[in-house]
Each structure stands twice: as structure tokens, then as C-alpha cells.
């Protein structure tokens, strides 16, 4: 497992298997910072240009590194997209962990999920449509297992341990995922009513009172 991104509160949210796509692991702080900069630049370029206009030369320029430095870690642009996708997976798990650790799980969940998709809305449309030839079955399963486990914790907190089963977590995660991804595709993430209506949906499922609208 390669550590590409910073950890929060000492809790790892890494998805294993990135070595399948990368040439080598960044081991020193400086090289890790450079890889982070490349992945961030890749996200910006993919958001602005789409897959058809996505080039490693532009990514290197935006990141402020040489094309040779980029190719030290990423053999091609597909490997770079894989790293961007993995960073998104890490961000999703971080939102779920934060929602569980806080006192207002539904609000934190909605705000967090909207935020990580709203930053680069075109990027997420591309990621949803692009195949991922580097994704290993084990790595994807590891993400899905943790993703559903965390949703199960949210369900159990509000509906009790008897409802902390895989089906309830699957239904809640699918509802939120579907709303957020469709809103990203349609450019609706900035709509004022999206947060409110999604929060109503989640609270109805969890059988808790809706927080009065504050925004």
C-alpha cells in the first residue's frame, strides 16, 4: 500500500494496491509532496480539459515539475487518473469517519459529500465515465467493505444495532451516492435546495428529526 496523501488524526484511510498503477512508491517527504502536487494538478487539468484534453505535459506544468519527474512515478495518464480516483476514495472515507466522530452525522455527511464532489464537478463526471484498468479487485473490495462498514455505523447510531446490517448500509449509501453523482453529472451541486432535500431524505430513512434549515 502506498501512502499518497496525508492522514487525519492518525487514522489511515488508504486503499491498498496503488503500486499496480505507479512505477514506484514515493518514500521521502519531498517525493511524497511532489506526488501529491502531481495528483492535485492532474485533478485540476482533468476537471478543466476532460479526458480528451488531458495530457501529462500539462499536468507537469501545472504541478511545477518536469515531465521526467512525473514519469518517475506515473507510467501514463491512465495511471495518474487511477491515483486521482484513489484520492477521491480516501476523501469519501474521511467524510464518513468525520461524520461518525462528530455529533451531527447527517449534516456532516451531506455537507462533506457535497463538498468533495463540488470542488471539481467536471472531474467527477469524467471519473464516473472512465474505465479503470488498473483497479485491482482486492483494492476495490477493500474500499467497498470499509465504505459499507462506516455507513453501517451511521445506521446503528440512529436506528439501533439491530439495523446495523449490510442491507441498511447499502440502501443509505446508494441513495446518497445516487443523488450526489447525478447532481454532479447535471451540474446541480451548487443548487441551494440540494442540501436541504438530501438531508430530509437521510433523516426520514434514519427516523430522526430534520435539523432546521440554516442555509
Foldseek 3Di string as FASTA:
>chain_A
DADQDDDPPPDDLAQPQLVLFWVDHDDDPVLSVLSNLLLVLQLVCCLVPNPVRRALCSSCVSSVHDSVSVCNIGVGVLSSLVVNVRVLLSQLLVQLVVLLPDDNNLLSNLVSLLVSCVVRLSSLVRVVPDDRPSDDPRRVVVSVVSQLQSLLSVLCVQQNNVSSDSVLSVVLVCVSVVLNNVCSVVVNSPPPCSSVVNSVVNCVSSVHDRDPDPD
